[in-house]
N, C-alpha and C. Protein backbone atom coordinates (compact mmCIF):
# COMPACT_ATOMS: atom_id res chain seq x y z
N MET A 1 143.77 135.18 78.93
CA MET A 1 142.99 134.38 80.00
C MET A 1 142.09 133.78 79.31
N SER A 2 141.72 132.24 79.45
CA SER A 2 141.06 131.67 78.49
C SER A 2 139.74 131.35 79.84
N THR A 3 138.68 131.28 79.14
CA THR A 3 137.53 131.09 79.68
C THR A 3 136.79 129.79 79.62
N LYS A 4 136.69 129.09 80.78
CA LYS A 4 136.40 127.29 80.75
C LYS A 4 134.85 127.55 80.82
N LYS A 5 133.72 126.81 80.51
CA LYS A 5 132.66 126.86 80.76
C LYS A 5 132.63 125.74 82.01
N LYS A 6 131.57 125.94 83.15
CA LYS A 6 131.57 124.90 83.80
C LYS A 6 130.60 124.35 83.41
N VAL A 7 130.62 123.00 83.72
CA VAL A 7 129.90 121.99 83.46
C VAL A 7 129.22 121.17 84.88
N ILE A 8 127.94 121.32 84.70
CA ILE A 8 127.48 120.80 86.12
C ILE A 8 126.70 119.36 85.40
N VAL A 9 127.47 118.19 86.10
CA VAL A 9 126.60 116.99 86.10
C VAL A 9 125.62 116.96 87.12
N THR A 10 124.50 116.27 86.70
CA THR A 10 123.17 116.06 87.67
C THR A 10 122.75 114.86 87.56
N THR A 11 122.81 113.90 88.87
CA THR A 11 122.33 112.72 88.56
C THR A 11 121.16 112.32 89.32
N THR A 12 120.29 111.71 89.32
CA THR A 12 119.05 111.23 89.81
C THR A 12 119.85 110.07 91.08
N PRO A 13 118.82 110.55 92.20
CA PRO A 13 119.65 109.58 93.48
C PRO A 13 119.23 108.39 93.30
N ARG A 14 119.83 107.27 93.72
CA ARG A 14 119.27 105.82 93.77
C ARG A 14 118.55 105.68 95.21
N ALA A 15 117.40 105.48 94.82
CA ALA A 15 116.80 105.01 96.11
C ALA A 15 117.49 103.71 96.92
N SER A 16 117.91 103.64 97.87
CA SER A 16 117.88 102.54 98.84
C SER A 16 117.22 101.42 98.69
N GLN A 17 117.89 100.07 98.79
CA GLN A 17 116.73 99.22 98.96
C GLN A 17 115.67 99.21 100.00
N THR A 18 116.36 99.57 101.11
CA THR A 18 115.12 99.97 102.35
C THR A 18 114.18 101.15 101.99
N ALA A 19 114.34 102.15 100.95
CA ALA A 19 113.40 103.00 100.88
C ALA A 19 112.62 102.35 99.88
N GLN A 20 113.23 101.42 99.07
CA GLN A 20 112.32 100.49 97.96
C GLN A 20 111.04 100.00 98.70
N ARG A 21 111.70 99.08 99.80
CA ARG A 21 110.88 98.31 100.34
C ARG A 21 109.91 98.84 101.32
N ALA A 22 110.35 100.24 101.61
CA ALA A 22 109.00 101.12 102.33
C ALA A 22 107.75 101.78 101.32
N LYS A 23 108.35 101.47 100.11
CA LYS A 23 107.25 102.03 98.95
C LYS A 23 106.41 100.88 98.50
N THR A 24 106.72 99.79 98.48
CA THR A 24 105.67 98.84 98.05
C THR A 24 104.62 98.30 99.11
N PRO A 25 103.87 98.18 98.81
CA PRO A 25 102.58 97.87 99.74
C PRO A 25 103.12 96.70 100.17
N ALA A 26 102.75 96.49 101.86
CA ALA A 26 102.87 95.21 102.37
C ALA A 26 101.62 94.44 102.23
N VAL A 27 101.14 93.90 100.94
CA VAL A 27 99.78 93.62 100.66
C VAL A 27 100.38 91.76 100.45
N ALA A 28 99.39 90.73 101.09
CA ALA A 28 99.54 89.32 101.12
C ALA A 28 99.39 89.00 99.44
N PRO A 29 100.29 87.93 98.86
CA PRO A 29 99.70 87.68 97.77
C PRO A 29 98.19 86.87 97.69
N LYS A 30 97.32 87.26 96.53
CA LYS A 30 96.30 86.18 96.37
C LYS A 30 96.16 85.28 96.45
N ASN A 31 97.20 84.13 96.25
CA ASN A 31 97.25 82.96 96.43
C ASN A 31 97.90 82.49 97.82
N SER A 32 97.92 83.21 98.60
CA SER A 32 98.70 82.80 100.13
C SER A 32 97.47 81.84 100.70
N VAL A 33 98.01 81.07 101.45
CA VAL A 33 97.83 79.74 102.43
C VAL A 33 97.44 80.13 103.54
N LEU A 34 96.30 80.12 104.17
CA LEU A 34 96.05 80.51 105.66
C LEU A 34 96.68 79.44 106.59
N ILE A 35 96.62 80.06 107.76
CA ILE A 35 97.80 79.13 108.59
C ILE A 35 96.74 78.17 109.15
N PHE A 36 95.30 78.63 109.58
CA PHE A 36 94.16 77.70 109.79
C PHE A 36 92.96 77.72 109.19
N GLY A 37 92.52 76.49 109.16
CA GLY A 37 91.46 76.25 108.43
C GLY A 37 90.22 76.28 109.04
N LYS A 38 89.08 75.71 108.67
CA LYS A 38 87.72 76.14 109.14
C LYS A 38 87.53 75.33 110.30
N SER A 39 88.37 73.89 110.31
CA SER A 39 87.99 73.10 111.32
C SER A 39 88.70 73.46 112.41
N ASN A 40 89.87 74.08 112.03
CA ASN A 40 90.47 74.60 113.55
C ASN A 40 89.40 75.64 114.36
N TYR A 41 89.07 76.53 113.15
CA TYR A 41 88.32 77.55 113.91
C TYR A 41 87.19 76.82 114.92
N MET A 42 86.39 76.09 114.17
CA MET A 42 85.38 75.29 115.14
C MET A 42 86.11 74.60 116.13
N LEU A 43 86.96 73.97 115.99
CA LEU A 43 87.47 73.17 117.41
C LEU A 43 87.80 74.43 118.31
N MET A 44 88.17 75.60 117.78
CA MET A 44 88.58 76.82 118.71
C MET A 44 87.05 77.39 119.31
N LEU A 45 86.25 77.51 118.88
CA LEU A 45 84.98 77.89 119.39
C LEU A 45 84.15 76.50 119.95
N VAL A 46 84.52 75.50 120.12
CA VAL A 46 84.08 74.47 120.99
C VAL A 46 84.90 74.25 122.15
N GLY A 47 86.30 74.64 122.27
CA GLY A 47 87.13 74.64 123.55
C GLY A 47 86.61 75.91 124.11
N LEU A 48 86.33 77.23 123.40
CA LEU A 48 86.18 78.30 124.13
C LEU A 48 84.59 77.74 125.13
N ALA A 49 83.78 77.41 124.43
CA ALA A 49 82.72 76.90 124.68
C ALA A 49 82.26 76.37 126.07
N LEU A 50 83.41 75.01 126.03
CA LEU A 50 84.11 74.41 127.06
C LEU A 50 84.30 75.15 128.42
N ILE A 51 85.32 75.87 128.09
CA ILE A 51 85.70 76.76 129.12
C ILE A 51 84.94 77.29 129.93
N ALA A 52 83.65 78.19 128.88
CA ALA A 52 82.59 78.83 129.40
C ALA A 52 81.79 77.93 130.26
N VAL A 53 81.48 77.02 129.70
CA VAL A 53 80.51 75.77 130.63
C VAL A 53 81.20 75.54 131.94
N GLY A 54 82.36 75.33 131.90
CA GLY A 54 83.24 75.26 133.17
C GLY A 54 83.18 75.91 134.00
N LEU A 55 83.30 77.25 133.98
CA LEU A 55 83.40 78.50 134.70
C LEU A 55 81.90 78.60 134.86
N MET A 56 80.99 78.54 134.46
CA MET A 56 79.55 78.25 134.71
C MET A 56 79.51 77.49 135.89
N LEU A 57 79.93 76.10 135.78
CA LEU A 57 79.66 74.97 136.83
C LEU A 57 80.27 75.49 137.93
N MET A 58 81.76 76.26 137.94
CA MET A 58 82.00 76.37 139.00
C MET A 58 81.22 77.62 139.80
N SER A 59 80.65 78.48 138.91
CA SER A 59 80.08 79.76 139.97
C SER A 59 79.16 79.29 140.96
N GLY A 60 78.91 80.58 141.67
CA GLY A 60 77.83 79.94 142.89
C GLY A 60 78.41 79.92 144.16
N GLY A 61 77.56 79.39 144.70
CA GLY A 61 77.98 78.80 146.29
C GLY A 61 77.44 80.06 147.54
N ALA A 62 76.64 80.83 147.14
CA ALA A 62 75.89 81.95 148.01
C ALA A 62 75.36 81.11 148.87
N MET A 63 75.28 81.46 150.04
CA MET A 63 74.61 80.85 151.24
C MET A 63 73.26 81.53 151.43
N PRO A 64 72.13 80.85 151.69
CA PRO A 64 70.37 81.28 151.50
C PRO A 64 70.60 82.05 152.89
N ASP A 65 70.69 81.61 153.83
CA ASP A 65 71.35 82.39 155.03
C ASP A 65 72.90 82.60 155.68
N PRO A 66 73.09 84.06 156.02
CA PRO A 66 74.66 84.27 156.17
C PRO A 66 74.79 83.65 157.77
N ASN A 67 73.99 83.17 158.52
CA ASN A 67 74.46 82.75 159.58
C ASN A 67 74.86 81.38 159.75
N THR A 68 74.38 80.67 158.80
CA THR A 68 74.55 79.20 158.79
C THR A 68 75.44 78.98 157.40
N TRP A 69 76.06 77.77 157.89
CA TRP A 69 77.31 77.22 157.09
C TRP A 69 76.93 76.20 156.41
N ASP A 70 76.81 75.89 155.14
CA ASP A 70 76.60 74.96 154.49
C ASP A 70 77.47 74.05 153.65
N GLU A 71 78.32 73.12 154.16
CA GLU A 71 79.69 72.93 152.86
C GLU A 71 78.89 72.16 151.92
N SER A 72 77.96 71.60 151.72
CA SER A 72 77.29 70.71 150.46
C SER A 72 77.23 71.87 149.44
N LEU A 73 76.91 73.18 149.78
CA LEU A 73 76.66 74.12 148.56
C LEU A 73 78.09 74.44 148.05
N ILE A 74 79.25 74.66 148.88
CA ILE A 74 80.38 75.29 148.60
C ILE A 74 81.28 74.18 147.87
N TYR A 75 81.48 72.69 148.61
CA TYR A 75 82.21 71.77 148.44
C TYR A 75 81.45 70.52 147.62
N SER A 76 80.50 70.91 146.54
CA SER A 76 79.89 69.83 145.89
C SER A 76 80.94 69.46 144.71
N ARG A 77 80.66 68.46 144.56
CA ARG A 77 80.99 67.71 142.99
C ARG A 77 81.11 68.32 142.25
N ARG A 78 80.14 69.16 141.94
CA ARG A 78 79.62 70.08 140.53
C ARG A 78 81.09 71.41 140.68
N ARG A 79 81.30 71.62 141.87
CA ARG A 79 81.93 72.96 141.97
C ARG A 79 83.53 72.30 141.88
N THR A 80 83.98 71.08 142.86
CA THR A 80 85.05 70.97 142.90
C THR A 80 85.83 69.79 141.74
N LEU A 81 84.85 69.13 141.00
CA LEU A 81 85.21 68.13 140.16
C LEU A 81 84.96 68.39 138.75
N LEU A 82 83.71 68.23 138.51
CA LEU A 82 83.02 68.69 137.30
C LEU A 82 83.40 70.06 136.44
N GLY A 83 83.20 71.05 136.97
CA GLY A 83 83.62 72.27 136.58
C GLY A 83 85.34 72.35 136.20
N PRO A 84 86.34 71.90 136.85
CA PRO A 84 87.76 72.08 136.62
C PRO A 84 88.06 70.75 135.56
N ALA A 85 87.40 69.73 135.67
CA ALA A 85 87.29 68.90 134.29
C ALA A 85 87.04 69.27 133.07
N VAL A 86 85.94 70.05 133.25
CA VAL A 86 85.44 70.48 131.95
C VAL A 86 86.02 71.61 131.31
N ILE A 87 87.01 72.70 132.20
CA ILE A 87 87.79 73.70 131.83
C ILE A 87 88.96 73.07 131.39
N LEU A 88 89.34 71.98 131.74
CA LEU A 88 90.80 71.08 131.28
C LEU A 88 90.54 70.54 130.05
N PHE A 89 89.55 69.77 129.73
CA PHE A 89 88.74 69.29 128.62
C PHE A 89 89.10 70.41 127.41
N GLY A 90 88.12 71.65 127.64
CA GLY A 90 88.51 72.58 126.73
C GLY A 90 89.68 73.06 126.70
N LEU A 91 90.29 73.02 127.52
CA LEU A 91 92.07 73.83 127.28
C LEU A 91 92.69 72.62 126.12
N VAL A 92 92.42 71.34 126.62
CA VAL A 92 93.01 70.20 125.43
C VAL A 92 92.25 70.82 124.55
N VAL A 93 91.15 70.90 124.02
CA VAL A 93 90.74 70.99 122.98
C VAL A 93 91.10 72.22 121.98
N GLU A 94 91.39 73.39 122.81
CA GLU A 94 92.35 74.11 122.09
C GLU A 94 93.65 74.27 121.56
N ILE A 95 94.20 73.12 122.63
CA ILE A 95 95.46 72.79 121.73
C ILE A 95 95.47 72.08 120.78
N VAL A 96 94.46 71.30 120.77
CA VAL A 96 94.28 70.18 119.29
C VAL A 96 94.00 71.28 118.21
N ALA A 97 93.16 72.12 118.62
CA ALA A 97 92.69 72.96 117.63
C ALA A 97 93.91 73.77 116.76
N ILE A 98 94.76 74.44 117.65
CA ILE A 98 96.02 75.07 117.30
C ILE A 98 97.04 73.94 116.65
N PHE A 99 97.31 72.97 117.02
CA PHE A 99 97.84 72.22 116.40
C PHE A 99 97.45 70.91 115.25
N LYS A 100 96.58 70.99 114.92
CA LYS A 100 95.96 70.51 113.90
C LYS A 100 96.21 71.23 112.48
N ASN A 101 96.72 70.16 111.71
CA ASN A 101 96.98 70.47 110.38
C ASN A 101 95.98 70.58 109.67
N PRO A 102 95.53 72.02 109.15
CA PRO A 102 94.72 71.96 108.13
C PRO A 102 95.07 71.33 106.97
N GLY A 103 95.73 71.24 106.22
CA GLY A 103 95.94 70.43 105.10
C GLY A 103 95.67 68.89 105.13
N LEU A 104 95.59 68.38 106.16
CA LEU A 104 94.87 66.90 106.06
C LEU A 104 93.42 66.92 106.28
N GLU A 105 92.80 67.89 106.30
CA GLU A 105 91.19 67.69 106.18
C GLU A 105 90.72 67.43 104.65
N THR A 106 91.41 68.02 103.82
CA THR A 106 90.98 67.65 102.24
C THR A 106 92.13 66.79 101.63
N PRO A 107 91.52 65.71 101.77
CA PRO A 107 92.57 64.81 100.75
C PRO A 107 92.77 65.06 99.39
N ALA A 108 94.31 64.80 99.05
CA ALA A 108 94.80 65.14 97.73
C ALA A 108 94.00 64.36 96.45
N THR A 109 93.66 64.90 95.66
CA THR A 109 93.25 64.19 94.88
C THR A 109 94.18 64.02 93.52
N GLU A 110 94.71 62.81 92.83
CA GLU A 110 95.83 62.42 92.15
C GLU A 110 95.06 62.03 90.71
N GLU A 111 95.36 62.93 89.67
CA GLU A 111 95.07 62.67 88.36
C GLU A 111 95.75 61.65 87.91
N VAL A 112 94.86 60.75 87.21
CA VAL A 112 95.94 59.70 86.52
C VAL A 112 95.85 59.76 85.02
N ALA A 113 96.98 59.85 84.37
CA ALA A 113 96.91 60.39 82.95
C ALA A 113 96.73 59.14 82.15
């Protein structure tokens, strides 16, 4: 009888591509470009302030006496026209702030050689 030695070959398992992605940290590169610029955020704050002012203009309307009805307090031009108009203007400012291209606010300087 001949005795043969058993040879055991071990290999290191290769990590799959998804396992390699899971190990890498999800950190943005240092030179990444932000979607919105400073002017976009300023316009967003202005739009939010306009919406808040419009809501304040529409508030109120309590009657001084519960037994009397005064249409001029509830259906005033401030509550029916001015307040909603200011809110709509604030929403338009918000839309402009979202769609404004931040790359257009700083003109590119060309170097002449």
